[in-house]
N, C-alpha and C. Protein backbone atom coordinates (compact mmCIF):
# COMPACT_ATOMS: atom_id res chain seq x y z
N MET A 1 0.87 -1.23 0.02
CA MET A 1 0.08 -0.03 0.00
C MET A 1 0.83 1.23 -0.03
N ASN A 2 2.01 1.15 0.66
CA ASN A 2 2.99 2.19 0.61
C ASN A 2 3.54 2.50 -0.75
N GLN A 3 3.70 1.52 -1.55
CA GLN A 3 4.39 1.59 -2.94
C GLN A 3 3.59 2.80 -3.81
N PRO A 4 2.39 2.50 -4.03
CA PRO A 4 1.68 3.49 -4.90
C PRO A 4 1.72 4.98 -4.38
N LEU A 5 1.65 5.04 -3.06
CA LEU A 5 1.81 6.44 -2.54
C LEU A 5 3.36 6.90 -2.84
N SER A 6 4.20 6.03 -2.69
CA SER A 6 5.76 6.58 -2.86
C SER A 6 5.81 6.89 -4.41
N LEU A 7 5.17 6.08 -5.31
CA LEU A 7 5.20 6.47 -6.63
C LEU A 7 4.61 7.74 -7.10
N LYS A 8 3.52 7.94 -6.48
CA LYS A 8 2.81 9.21 -6.68
C LYS A 8 3.58 10.30 -6.07
N SER A 9 4.15 10.21 -4.95
CA SER A 9 4.97 11.30 -4.58
C SER A 9 6.22 11.53 -5.28
N ALA A 10 6.80 10.46 -5.74
CA ALA A 10 8.02 10.71 -6.66
C ALA A 10 7.65 11.36 -7.94
N GLU A 11 6.56 11.00 -8.56
CA GLU A 11 6.19 11.68 -9.72
C GLU A 11 5.75 12.98 -9.56
N ARG A 12 5.17 13.43 -8.31
CA ARG A 12 5.03 14.81 -7.87
C ARG A 12 6.32 15.67 -7.76
N LYS A 13 7.26 14.89 -7.34
CA LYS A 13 8.57 15.68 -7.27
C LYS A 13 9.12 16.02 -8.58
N VAL A 14 9.07 15.01 -9.45
CA VAL A 14 9.55 15.00 -10.70
C VAL A 14 8.81 16.09 -11.62
N PHE A 15 7.50 16.04 -11.38
CA PHE A 15 6.71 17.13 -12.08
C PHE A 15 7.09 18.35 -11.61
N GLN A 16 7.25 18.61 -10.21
CA GLN A 16 7.66 20.08 -9.72
C GLN A 16 8.89 20.36 -10.25
N THR A 17 9.84 19.47 -10.25
CA THR A 17 11.18 19.77 -10.96
C THR A 17 11.01 20.32 -12.54
N SER A 18 10.17 19.56 -13.14
CA SER A 18 9.91 20.06 -14.50
C SER A 18 9.31 21.43 -14.58
N MET A 19 8.61 21.94 -13.68
CA MET A 19 8.10 23.17 -13.56
C MET A 19 9.16 24.27 -13.15
N SER A 20 10.31 23.80 -12.63
CA SER A 20 11.28 24.75 -12.23
C SER A 20 12.26 25.29 -13.32
N ASP A 21 11.88 25.02 -14.62
CA ASP A 21 12.57 25.44 -15.73
C ASP A 21 12.23 26.90 -16.03
N GLY A 22 11.10 27.43 -15.45
CA GLY A 22 10.74 28.78 -15.80
C GLY A 22 9.94 29.19 -16.96
N LEU A 23 9.83 28.20 -17.87
CA LEU A 23 9.19 28.42 -19.21
C LEU A 23 7.72 28.79 -19.11
N TRP A 24 6.99 28.15 -18.14
CA TRP A 24 5.66 28.29 -17.97
C TRP A 24 5.58 29.87 -17.49
N ASP A 25 6.35 30.23 -16.57
CA ASP A 25 6.42 31.54 -15.98
C ASP A 25 6.56 32.52 -17.36
N VAL A 26 7.33 32.35 -18.21
CA VAL A 26 7.59 33.29 -19.38
C VAL A 26 6.26 33.38 -20.18
N PHE A 27 5.76 32.06 -20.54
CA PHE A 27 4.41 32.13 -21.15
C PHE A 27 3.43 32.78 -20.64
N ILE A 28 3.11 32.46 -19.34
CA ILE A 28 2.05 33.28 -18.70
C ILE A 28 2.27 34.75 -18.49
N GLY A 29 3.63 35.11 -18.25
CA GLY A 29 3.96 36.46 -18.34
C GLY A 29 3.58 37.19 -19.54
N CYS A 30 3.79 36.42 -20.83
CA CYS A 30 3.36 36.88 -22.02
C CYS A 30 1.77 37.07 -22.23
N PHE A 31 1.21 36.18 -21.51
CA PHE A 31 -0.33 36.31 -21.48
C PHE A 31 -0.77 37.41 -20.80
N VAL A 32 -0.09 37.78 -19.44
CA VAL A 32 -0.40 38.88 -18.78
C VAL A 32 -0.19 40.23 -19.62
N LEU A 33 0.71 40.30 -20.37
CA LEU A 33 1.19 41.30 -21.30
C LEU A 33 -0.03 41.92 -22.03
N MET A 34 -0.90 41.12 -22.39
CA MET A 34 -2.00 41.48 -23.00
C MET A 34 -2.72 42.67 -22.41
N PHE A 35 -2.93 42.41 -21.09
CA PHE A 35 -3.63 43.44 -20.05
C PHE A 35 -2.91 44.72 -20.04
N ALA A 36 -1.56 44.81 -20.43
CA ALA A 36 -0.76 46.04 -20.37
C ALA A 36 -0.77 46.59 -21.75
N ILE A 37 -0.66 45.73 -22.78
CA ILE A 37 -0.45 46.43 -24.12
C ILE A 37 -1.67 46.71 -24.86
N ALA A 38 -2.81 45.78 -24.70
CA ALA A 38 -4.06 45.90 -25.48
C ALA A 38 -4.74 47.16 -25.35
N PRO A 39 -4.68 47.69 -23.92
CA PRO A 39 -5.42 49.12 -23.87
C PRO A 39 -4.71 50.06 -24.73
N LEU A 40 -3.31 50.06 -24.99
CA LEU A 40 -2.79 50.98 -25.81
C LEU A 40 -3.03 50.97 -27.26
N LEU A 41 -3.47 49.67 -27.48
CA LEU A 41 -3.78 49.54 -29.02
C LEU A 41 -5.32 49.66 -29.30
N SER A 42 -5.98 49.75 -28.24
CA SER A 42 -7.56 49.73 -28.52
C SER A 42 -7.93 50.99 -29.16
N GLU A 43 -7.39 52.11 -29.14
CA GLU A 43 -7.83 53.35 -29.85
C GLU A 43 -7.75 53.17 -31.29
N SER A 44 -6.59 52.53 -31.85
CA SER A 44 -6.25 52.24 -33.28
C SER A 44 -6.92 50.99 -33.88
N LEU A 45 -7.02 49.89 -32.99
CA LEU A 45 -7.37 48.70 -33.47
C LEU A 45 -8.82 48.29 -32.94
N GLY A 46 -9.31 49.02 -32.02
CA GLY A 46 -10.58 48.52 -31.26
C GLY A 46 -10.32 47.61 -30.11
N ASP A 47 -11.32 47.39 -29.31
CA ASP A 47 -11.00 46.56 -28.20
C ASP A 47 -10.82 45.17 -28.53
N PHE A 48 -11.75 44.52 -29.49
CA PHE A 48 -11.61 43.26 -29.78
C PHE A 48 -10.43 42.85 -30.39
N TRP A 49 -10.01 43.68 -31.60
CA TRP A 49 -8.86 43.21 -32.21
C TRP A 49 -7.46 43.58 -31.45
N SER A 50 -7.62 44.52 -30.55
CA SER A 50 -6.30 44.71 -29.80
C SER A 50 -6.12 43.52 -28.82
N SER A 51 -6.99 42.75 -28.41
CA SER A 51 -6.92 41.42 -27.80
C SER A 51 -6.76 40.27 -28.68
N PHE A 52 -7.44 40.19 -29.73
CA PHE A 52 -7.38 39.07 -30.56
C PHE A 52 -6.00 38.97 -31.26
N ILE A 53 -5.40 40.13 -31.53
CA ILE A 53 -4.18 40.06 -32.16
C ILE A 53 -3.06 39.33 -31.37
N PHE A 54 -3.31 39.08 -30.09
CA PHE A 54 -2.31 38.42 -29.21
C PHE A 54 -2.36 36.83 -29.56
N LEU A 55 -3.28 36.37 -30.11
CA LEU A 55 -3.53 34.80 -30.37
C LEU A 55 -2.37 34.28 -31.05
N PRO A 56 -1.96 34.84 -32.31
CA PRO A 56 -0.71 34.34 -32.97
C PRO A 56 0.66 34.61 -32.16
N PHE A 57 0.72 35.68 -31.49
CA PHE A 57 1.79 35.89 -30.67
C PHE A 57 2.07 34.83 -29.63
N TRP A 58 0.90 34.43 -28.94
CA TRP A 58 0.97 33.29 -27.85
C TRP A 58 1.25 32.06 -28.61
N GLY A 59 0.89 31.92 -29.82
CA GLY A 59 1.23 30.75 -30.53
C GLY A 59 2.61 30.62 -30.86
N LEU A 60 3.35 31.72 -31.14
CA LEU A 60 4.66 31.69 -31.50
C LEU A 60 5.50 31.50 -30.16
N VAL A 61 5.11 32.10 -29.04
CA VAL A 61 5.77 31.93 -27.77
C VAL A 61 5.65 30.49 -27.26
N TYR A 62 4.43 29.93 -27.46
CA TYR A 62 4.27 28.45 -27.11
C TYR A 62 5.15 27.65 -27.89
N LEU A 63 5.20 27.89 -29.23
CA LEU A 63 6.15 27.01 -30.26
C LEU A 63 7.63 27.19 -29.73
N ALA A 64 8.06 28.36 -29.34
CA ALA A 64 9.42 28.67 -28.93
C ALA A 64 9.59 27.94 -27.72
N ILE A 65 8.69 27.77 -26.73
CA ILE A 65 8.81 27.09 -25.48
C ILE A 65 8.93 25.66 -25.68
N TRP A 66 8.02 25.18 -26.67
CA TRP A 66 8.01 23.72 -26.87
C TRP A 66 9.42 23.32 -27.36
N LEU A 67 9.88 24.01 -28.17
CA LEU A 67 11.24 23.86 -28.95
C LEU A 67 12.40 23.84 -27.85
N MET A 68 12.21 24.97 -26.90
CA MET A 68 13.27 25.01 -25.80
C MET A 68 13.31 23.58 -24.89
N ARG A 69 12.02 23.26 -24.66
CA ARG A 69 11.96 22.12 -23.77
C ARG A 69 12.43 20.87 -24.51
N LYS A 70 12.35 20.66 -25.92
CA LYS A 70 12.69 19.59 -26.52
C LYS A 70 14.14 19.47 -26.79
N TYR A 71 14.87 20.65 -27.18
CA TYR A 71 16.06 20.80 -27.55
C TYR A 71 17.09 21.26 -26.48
N VAL A 72 16.63 21.97 -25.53
CA VAL A 72 17.54 22.51 -24.57
C VAL A 72 17.42 21.86 -23.03
N VAL A 73 16.00 21.89 -22.65
CA VAL A 73 15.84 21.16 -21.36
C VAL A 73 15.97 19.64 -21.32
N ALA A 74 15.29 18.97 -22.20
CA ALA A 74 15.23 17.59 -22.28
C ALA A 74 16.56 16.91 -22.23
N PRO A 75 17.66 17.41 -23.19
CA PRO A 75 18.99 16.71 -23.12
C PRO A 75 19.54 16.82 -21.72
N ARG A 76 19.11 18.02 -20.98
CA ARG A 76 19.85 18.18 -19.65
C ARG A 76 19.05 17.33 -18.39
N MET A 77 17.73 17.37 -18.57
CA MET A 77 16.95 16.83 -17.51
C MET A 77 16.33 15.46 -17.85
N GLY A 78 16.39 15.13 -19.08
CA GLY A 78 15.68 13.80 -19.57
C GLY A 78 14.24 13.91 -19.73
N THR A 79 13.65 13.12 -20.19
CA THR A 79 12.09 13.03 -20.41
C THR A 79 11.51 11.95 -19.63
N VAL A 80 10.23 12.45 -19.03
CA VAL A 80 9.53 11.49 -18.31
C VAL A 80 7.96 11.46 -18.80
N ARG A 81 7.54 10.13 -18.91
CA ARG A 81 6.09 10.06 -19.21
C ARG A 81 5.35 10.07 -17.98
N PHE A 82 4.56 11.11 -17.73
CA PHE A 82 3.67 11.14 -16.49
C PHE A 82 2.39 10.21 -16.52
N SER A 83 1.82 10.08 -15.48
CA SER A 83 0.63 9.19 -15.32
C SER A 83 -0.47 9.92 -16.00
N GLU A 84 -1.50 9.32 -16.34
CA GLU A 84 -2.73 9.96 -17.15
C GLU A 84 -3.29 11.01 -16.14
N ALA A 85 -3.38 10.77 -14.91
CA ALA A 85 -3.99 11.71 -13.92
C ALA A 85 -3.07 13.10 -14.07
N ARG A 86 -1.72 12.89 -14.05
CA ARG A 86 -1.12 14.05 -14.21
C ARG A 86 -1.18 14.92 -15.47
N ARG A 87 -1.28 14.05 -16.65
CA ARG A 87 -1.42 14.62 -17.99
C ARG A 87 -2.82 15.42 -18.03
N LEU A 88 -3.85 14.65 -17.23
CA LEU A 88 -5.13 15.25 -17.33
C LEU A 88 -5.15 16.62 -16.62
N LYS A 89 -4.29 16.82 -15.43
CA LYS A 89 -4.09 18.15 -14.93
C LYS A 89 -3.56 19.10 -15.89
N ILE A 90 -2.57 18.66 -16.59
CA ILE A 90 -2.00 19.71 -17.62
C ILE A 90 -2.94 20.09 -18.63
N ARG A 91 -3.71 19.20 -19.19
CA ARG A 91 -4.84 19.50 -20.06
C ARG A 91 -5.77 20.38 -19.55
N ARG A 92 -6.24 20.32 -18.26
CA ARG A 92 -7.08 21.11 -17.47
C ARG A 92 -6.59 22.54 -17.34
N PHE A 93 -5.18 22.64 -17.10
CA PHE A 93 -4.66 23.88 -16.99
C PHE A 93 -4.61 24.57 -18.18
N SER A 94 -4.51 23.92 -19.51
CA SER A 94 -4.56 24.58 -20.74
C SER A 94 -5.83 25.13 -20.88
N ILE A 95 -6.87 24.38 -20.55
CA ILE A 95 -8.24 24.84 -20.81
C ILE A 95 -8.66 25.94 -19.73
N VAL A 96 -7.92 25.96 -18.70
CA VAL A 96 -8.35 27.05 -17.71
C VAL A 96 -7.47 28.32 -18.19
N LEU A 97 -6.38 28.30 -18.86
CA LEU A 97 -5.70 29.38 -19.45
C LEU A 97 -6.60 29.96 -20.71
N VAL A 98 -7.28 29.14 -21.51
CA VAL A 98 -8.11 29.52 -22.48
C VAL A 98 -9.30 30.27 -22.03
N VAL A 99 -9.86 29.54 -20.98
CA VAL A 99 -11.17 30.15 -20.50
C VAL A 99 -10.93 31.60 -19.90
N VAL A 100 -9.73 31.73 -19.08
CA VAL A 100 -9.50 32.92 -18.40
C VAL A 100 -9.28 33.92 -19.61
N ASN A 101 -8.61 33.68 -20.59
CA ASN A 101 -8.45 34.65 -21.59
C ASN A 101 -9.65 34.92 -22.15
N THR A 102 -10.78 34.09 -22.65
CA THR A 102 -11.86 34.30 -23.27
C THR A 102 -12.83 35.15 -22.31
N LEU A 103 -12.88 34.70 -21.01
CA LEU A 103 -13.79 35.56 -20.11
C LEU A 103 -13.21 36.90 -19.99
N ALA A 104 -11.86 37.17 -19.78
CA ALA A 104 -11.42 38.36 -19.78
C ALA A 104 -11.71 39.27 -20.97
N LEU A 105 -11.80 38.78 -22.08
CA LEU A 105 -11.86 39.51 -23.33
C LEU A 105 -13.41 39.87 -23.35
N VAL A 106 -14.36 38.85 -23.01
CA VAL A 106 -15.77 39.12 -22.93
C VAL A 106 -16.03 40.25 -21.88
N LEU A 107 -15.30 40.11 -20.66
CA LEU A 107 -15.65 41.10 -19.71
C LEU A 107 -15.25 42.39 -20.02
N GLY A 108 -14.17 42.64 -20.64
CA GLY A 108 -13.69 43.91 -21.25
C GLY A 108 -14.51 44.37 -22.25
N LEU A 109 -15.15 43.59 -23.28
CA LEU A 109 -16.04 43.93 -24.18
C LEU A 109 -17.50 44.29 -23.54
N LEU A 110 -17.88 43.73 -22.46
CA LEU A 110 -19.02 44.17 -21.87
C LEU A 110 -19.02 45.42 -21.17
N VAL A 111 -17.94 45.74 -20.47
CA VAL A 111 -17.65 46.98 -19.96
C VAL A 111 -17.63 48.11 -20.96
N LEU A 112 -17.03 47.85 -22.07
CA LEU A 112 -16.95 48.84 -23.11
C LEU A 112 -18.33 49.14 -23.69
N PHE A 113 -19.07 48.16 -23.75
CA PHE A 113 -20.54 48.25 -24.29
C PHE A 113 -21.46 49.02 -23.23
N LEU A 114 -21.32 48.64 -22.08
CA LEU A 114 -22.14 49.26 -21.17
C LEU A 114 -21.77 50.70 -20.79
N TYR A 115 -20.35 50.92 -20.60
CA TYR A 115 -20.03 52.32 -20.27
C TYR A 115 -19.15 53.04 -21.17
N GLY A 116 -18.77 52.44 -22.30
CA GLY A 116 -18.00 53.14 -23.29
C GLY A 116 -18.41 54.30 -23.76
N ARG A 117 -19.83 54.29 -24.00
CA ARG A 117 -20.52 55.47 -24.67
C ARG A 117 -20.80 56.47 -23.70
N ASP A 118 -20.63 56.29 -22.50
CA ASP A 118 -20.89 57.21 -21.37
C ASP A 118 -19.81 57.37 -20.29
N PRO A 119 -18.69 57.94 -20.83
CA PRO A 119 -17.44 57.96 -19.80
C PRO A 119 -17.77 58.59 -18.49
N ALA A 120 -18.58 59.52 -18.39
CA ALA A 120 -18.76 60.17 -17.29
C ALA A 120 -19.44 59.32 -16.01
N SER A 121 -20.45 58.58 -16.47
CA SER A 121 -21.10 57.58 -15.68
C SER A 121 -20.24 56.19 -15.50
N GLY A 122 -19.58 55.94 -16.63
CA GLY A 122 -19.01 54.78 -16.62
C GLY A 122 -17.57 54.71 -15.85
N SER A 123 -16.97 55.80 -15.76
CA SER A 123 -15.78 55.92 -15.09
C SER A 123 -15.92 55.74 -13.52
N ALA A 124 -16.91 56.26 -13.13
CA ALA A 124 -17.28 55.97 -11.54
C ALA A 124 -17.56 54.43 -11.34
N ARG A 125 -18.18 53.76 -12.24
CA ARG A 125 -18.42 52.45 -11.98
C ARG A 125 -17.33 51.58 -12.11
N LEU A 126 -16.49 51.99 -13.15
CA LEU A 126 -15.23 51.17 -13.47
C LEU A 126 -14.09 51.25 -12.22
N SER A 127 -14.24 52.41 -11.61
CA SER A 127 -13.27 52.66 -10.59
C SER A 127 -13.85 52.04 -9.29
N GLY A 128 -15.09 51.54 -9.34
CA GLY A 128 -15.64 50.96 -8.09
C GLY A 128 -15.43 49.43 -8.16
N ILE A 129 -16.54 48.75 -8.64
CA ILE A 129 -16.52 47.28 -8.50
C ILE A 129 -15.68 46.53 -9.43
N TYR A 130 -15.55 47.01 -10.65
CA TYR A 130 -15.07 46.39 -11.78
C TYR A 130 -13.55 45.92 -11.44
N PRO A 131 -12.61 46.63 -11.05
CA PRO A 131 -11.14 46.26 -10.71
C PRO A 131 -11.12 45.13 -9.71
N TYR A 132 -12.04 45.23 -8.68
CA TYR A 132 -12.04 44.07 -7.80
C TYR A 132 -12.55 42.83 -8.21
N ALA A 133 -13.57 43.00 -9.16
CA ALA A 133 -14.14 41.61 -9.68
C ALA A 133 -13.12 41.12 -10.73
N PHE A 134 -12.46 41.89 -11.40
CA PHE A 134 -11.54 41.53 -12.40
C PHE A 134 -10.31 40.95 -11.71
N GLY A 135 -9.78 41.50 -10.50
CA GLY A 135 -8.79 41.08 -9.98
C GLY A 135 -9.11 39.75 -9.24
N ALA A 136 -10.33 39.52 -8.67
CA ALA A 136 -10.64 38.34 -8.09
C ALA A 136 -10.73 37.32 -9.02
N PHE A 137 -11.24 37.49 -10.42
CA PHE A 137 -11.30 36.58 -11.45
C PHE A 137 -9.99 36.07 -11.78
N LEU A 138 -8.97 36.90 -11.83
CA LEU A 138 -7.59 36.53 -12.11
C LEU A 138 -7.13 35.63 -10.95
N LEU A 139 -7.31 36.06 -9.74
CA LEU A 139 -6.81 35.31 -8.54
C LEU A 139 -7.35 33.88 -8.65
N VAL A 140 -8.58 33.69 -8.88
CA VAL A 140 -9.10 32.55 -8.92
C VAL A 140 -8.60 31.66 -10.03
N GLY A 141 -8.34 32.11 -11.18
CA GLY A 141 -7.80 31.35 -12.24
C GLY A 141 -6.32 30.93 -11.93
N PHE A 142 -5.47 31.81 -11.40
CA PHE A 142 -4.10 31.58 -11.11
C PHE A 142 -4.16 30.50 -9.87
N SER A 143 -5.06 30.64 -8.96
CA SER A 143 -5.10 29.66 -7.87
C SER A 143 -5.34 28.29 -8.39
N ILE A 144 -6.29 28.14 -9.37
CA ILE A 144 -6.64 26.90 -10.05
C ILE A 144 -5.33 26.40 -10.61
N ALA A 145 -4.63 27.28 -11.46
CA ALA A 145 -3.32 26.88 -12.10
C ALA A 145 -2.26 26.42 -11.05
N ALA A 146 -2.19 27.15 -10.03
CA ALA A 146 -1.22 26.70 -9.01
C ALA A 146 -1.54 25.30 -8.46
N TYR A 147 -2.73 25.02 -8.39
CA TYR A 147 -3.14 23.68 -7.83
C TYR A 147 -2.95 22.56 -8.91
N LEU A 148 -3.41 22.75 -10.15
CA LEU A 148 -3.31 21.74 -11.09
C LEU A 148 -1.79 21.47 -11.46
N LEU A 149 -1.01 22.54 -11.42
CA LEU A 149 0.38 22.41 -11.84
C LEU A 149 1.33 22.19 -10.46
N ASP A 150 0.88 22.08 -9.35
CA ASP A 150 1.65 21.91 -8.16
C ASP A 150 2.68 22.94 -8.15
N CYS A 151 2.31 24.17 -8.37
CA CYS A 151 3.34 25.28 -8.43
C CYS A 151 2.92 26.40 -7.60
N PRO A 152 3.18 26.49 -6.31
CA PRO A 152 2.68 27.58 -5.39
C PRO A 152 2.95 28.95 -5.90
N ARG A 153 4.06 29.26 -6.65
CA ARG A 153 4.39 30.63 -6.93
C ARG A 153 3.32 31.09 -7.92
N PHE A 154 2.64 30.43 -8.51
CA PHE A 154 1.53 30.91 -9.31
C PHE A 154 0.44 31.46 -8.65
N PHE A 155 0.19 31.00 -7.20
CA PHE A 155 -0.72 31.70 -6.51
C PHE A 155 -0.31 32.95 -6.20
N VAL A 156 1.07 33.20 -5.95
CA VAL A 156 1.69 34.52 -5.71
C VAL A 156 1.27 35.46 -6.86
N TYR A 157 1.51 34.88 -8.04
CA TYR A 157 1.17 35.76 -9.29
C TYR A 157 -0.31 36.19 -9.24
N GLY A 158 -1.03 35.27 -8.79
CA GLY A 158 -2.51 35.59 -8.76
C GLY A 158 -2.80 36.64 -7.65
N LEU A 159 -2.09 36.70 -6.72
CA LEU A 159 -2.17 37.72 -5.62
C LEU A 159 -1.78 38.95 -6.17
N MET A 160 -0.72 39.00 -6.92
CA MET A 160 -0.21 40.28 -7.38
C MET A 160 -1.23 40.84 -8.60
N LEU A 161 -1.85 39.92 -9.24
CA LEU A 161 -2.80 40.29 -10.32
C LEU A 161 -4.18 40.78 -9.56
N PHE A 162 -4.43 40.25 -8.47
CA PHE A 162 -5.65 40.69 -7.77
C PHE A 162 -5.44 42.25 -7.31
N ILE A 163 -4.07 42.43 -6.93
CA ILE A 163 -4.00 43.74 -6.33
C ILE A 163 -3.68 44.84 -7.46
N ALA A 164 -3.18 44.17 -8.72
CA ALA A 164 -2.81 45.13 -9.81
C ALA A 164 -4.02 46.06 -10.25
N ALA A 165 -5.29 45.62 -10.59
CA ALA A 165 -6.23 46.28 -11.07
C ALA A 165 -6.80 47.28 -10.18
N PRO A 166 -6.99 47.17 -8.88
CA PRO A 166 -7.25 48.33 -7.92
C PRO A 166 -6.23 49.32 -7.89
N VAL A 167 -4.87 48.86 -7.89
CA VAL A 167 -3.81 49.91 -7.83
C VAL A 167 -3.87 50.72 -9.13
N GLY A 168 -4.09 50.13 -10.26
CA GLY A 168 -4.27 50.73 -11.62
C GLY A 168 -5.19 51.86 -11.48
N GLU A 169 -6.41 51.71 -10.89
CA GLU A 169 -7.53 52.59 -10.76
C GLU A 169 -6.99 53.75 -9.94
N TRP A 170 -6.28 53.38 -8.83
CA TRP A 170 -5.85 54.45 -7.96
C TRP A 170 -4.87 55.29 -8.65
N LEU A 171 -3.78 54.81 -9.43
CA LEU A 171 -2.96 55.61 -10.02
C LEU A 171 -3.73 56.35 -11.07
N SER A 172 -4.64 55.84 -11.69
CA SER A 172 -5.59 56.72 -12.67
C SER A 172 -6.14 57.82 -12.03
N ASN A 173 -6.77 57.53 -11.00
CA ASN A 173 -7.64 58.42 -10.26
C ASN A 173 -6.67 59.70 -9.45
N ASN A 174 -5.63 59.38 -9.13
CA ASN A 174 -4.78 60.29 -8.24
C ASN A 174 -3.74 60.63 -9.06
N TYR A 175 -3.19 60.14 -10.02
CA TYR A 175 -1.98 60.52 -10.78
C TYR A 175 -2.19 60.67 -12.22
N GLY A 176 -3.51 60.39 -12.61
CA GLY A 176 -3.90 60.61 -14.15
C GLY A 176 -3.14 59.55 -15.10
N ALA A 177 -2.94 58.38 -14.44
CA ALA A 177 -2.22 57.28 -15.35
C ALA A 177 -3.49 56.94 -16.52
N SER A 178 -2.90 56.78 -17.66
CA SER A 178 -3.74 56.48 -18.78
C SER A 178 -4.32 55.06 -18.70
N HIS A 179 -5.52 54.74 -19.39
CA HIS A 179 -5.96 53.39 -19.50
C HIS A 179 -6.26 52.71 -18.20
N HIS A 180 -6.62 53.56 -17.10
CA HIS A 180 -6.91 53.03 -15.78
C HIS A 180 -5.64 52.41 -15.10
N GLY A 181 -4.52 52.96 -15.65
CA GLY A 181 -3.28 52.58 -14.86
C GLY A 181 -2.92 51.01 -15.40
N TYR A 182 -3.63 50.45 -16.38
CA TYR A 182 -3.27 49.00 -16.57
C TYR A 182 -1.92 48.68 -17.09
N PRO A 183 -1.51 49.56 -18.30
CA PRO A 183 -0.26 49.37 -18.81
C PRO A 183 0.87 49.40 -17.79
N ILE A 184 0.82 50.18 -16.76
CA ILE A 184 1.68 50.19 -15.58
C ILE A 184 1.83 49.03 -14.76
N VAL A 185 0.65 48.58 -14.14
CA VAL A 185 0.48 47.72 -13.21
C VAL A 185 0.70 46.24 -13.78
N PHE A 186 -0.09 46.16 -14.94
CA PHE A 186 -0.10 44.67 -15.47
C PHE A 186 1.36 44.77 -16.23
N GLY A 187 1.97 45.67 -16.72
CA GLY A 187 3.38 45.59 -17.29
C GLY A 187 4.39 45.38 -16.25
N PHE A 188 4.08 45.60 -14.95
CA PHE A 188 5.08 45.28 -13.88
C PHE A 188 4.89 43.84 -13.49
N VAL A 189 3.71 43.42 -13.45
CA VAL A 189 3.35 41.98 -12.93
C VAL A 189 3.98 41.00 -14.10
N ALA A 190 3.71 41.60 -15.48
CA ALA A 190 4.18 40.57 -16.46
C ALA A 190 5.74 40.58 -16.51
N GLY A 191 6.29 41.69 -16.14
CA GLY A 191 7.82 41.89 -16.25
C GLY A 191 8.29 40.85 -14.97
N VAL A 192 7.75 40.92 -13.88
CA VAL A 192 8.07 40.04 -12.70
C VAL A 192 8.16 38.55 -13.01
N MET A 193 6.93 38.11 -13.80
CA MET A 193 6.86 36.75 -14.26
C MET A 193 7.93 36.44 -15.12
N ILE A 194 8.01 37.22 -16.19
CA ILE A 194 8.95 36.88 -17.34
C ILE A 194 10.56 36.81 -16.70
N LEU A 195 10.79 37.81 -15.91
CA LEU A 195 12.10 37.77 -15.29
C LEU A 195 12.36 36.63 -14.44
N THR A 196 11.27 36.25 -13.55
CA THR A 196 11.53 35.13 -12.89
C THR A 196 11.63 33.85 -13.65
N GLY A 197 10.95 33.75 -14.76
CA GLY A 197 11.11 32.55 -15.58
C GLY A 197 12.51 32.61 -16.31
N VAL A 198 12.88 33.75 -16.64
CA VAL A 198 14.32 33.65 -17.29
C VAL A 198 15.45 33.31 -16.31
N VAL A 199 15.28 33.88 -15.11
CA VAL A 199 16.22 33.54 -14.07
C VAL A 199 16.16 32.06 -13.77
N LEU A 200 15.08 31.62 -13.59
CA LEU A 200 14.94 30.17 -13.39
C LEU A 200 15.53 29.13 -14.45
N PHE A 201 15.26 29.67 -15.79
CA PHE A 201 15.78 28.97 -16.90
C PHE A 201 17.36 28.99 -16.97
N ILE A 202 17.89 30.19 -16.68
CA ILE A 202 19.39 30.32 -16.61
C ILE A 202 20.04 29.40 -15.45
N TRP A 203 19.16 29.39 -14.33
CA TRP A 203 19.86 28.71 -13.22
C TRP A 203 19.70 27.13 -13.67
N LEU A 204 18.66 26.69 -14.16
CA LEU A 204 18.65 25.20 -14.71
C LEU A 204 19.81 24.96 -15.51
N LEU A 205 20.15 25.93 -16.55
CA LEU A 205 21.21 25.48 -17.58
C LEU A 205 22.54 25.49 -16.70
N ILE A 206 22.64 26.45 -15.70
CA ILE A 206 24.04 26.40 -15.09
C ILE A 206 24.05 25.14 -14.22
N LYS A 207 22.87 24.75 -13.48
CA LYS A 207 22.96 23.57 -12.65
C LYS A 207 23.03 22.19 -13.40
N ASN A 208 22.71 22.25 -14.60
CA ASN A 208 22.50 20.83 -15.54
C ASN A 208 23.17 21.13 -16.87
N PRO A 209 24.50 21.29 -16.99
CA PRO A 209 25.30 21.33 -18.15
C PRO A 209 25.08 20.14 -19.01
N LEU A 210 25.16 20.25 -20.37
CA LEU A 210 25.24 18.93 -21.09
C LEU A 210 26.18 18.00 -20.72
N VAL A 211 25.96 16.77 -20.86
CA VAL A 211 26.87 15.69 -20.59
C VAL A 211 28.21 15.82 -21.39
N ASP A 212 27.78 16.13 -22.68
CA ASP A 212 28.88 16.22 -23.66
C ASP A 212 29.96 17.34 -23.34
N ASP A 213 29.20 18.40 -22.81
CA ASP A 213 30.15 19.62 -22.33
C ASP A 213 31.15 19.18 -21.21
N GLN A 214 30.44 18.35 -20.23
CA GLN A 214 31.44 17.94 -19.12
C GLN A 214 32.40 16.88 -19.41
N VAL A 215 32.07 16.07 -20.64
CA VAL A 215 33.31 14.99 -20.99
C VAL A 215 34.25 15.83 -21.93
N GLY A 216 33.76 16.57 -22.69
CA GLY A 216 34.75 17.40 -23.54
C GLY A 216 35.41 18.49 -23.06
């Protein structure tokens, strides 16, 4: 009876090690960049296209990460075939990421439709409940991701995003930051995620040099 538990624990440790390469941090950081850059593009492209334009960008980032894992990480760390339960968690995480993106886009379009034509009344409402609802929505999404991927730092990212929207509104109301302060606050959070991912990735390369490099 102890053996299945030991195997499950070992698989969990291996999976957590695979998450330490930082590439998921980079990918999700690029996802968060949408909330920083899309508002700046909305005036020229419109709210829908300013968000939709990121889809091919995410595709390129995902392809780059897949290639990095295959040709850079795998030769150093090896490859592991996880159990069906673990692979199911990864698939669920991918679904959560798509759902979060879709709902965030719908929420943004809904707010624009309701208040975009009446900035005077819409501004007060946007600076009220919307930032907290938006932040709570992101916190829930990242908390689910932290659970599915056994990666507690994603919960920390969720807390940062939960705080970001209200802080952005505060910067907008008190210091005149444009676009509800989102380019500043979400740009900062995205930068933290991407920088964390890059540092973790570099650390992995330093700790796990190629065997051929060690021999040669």
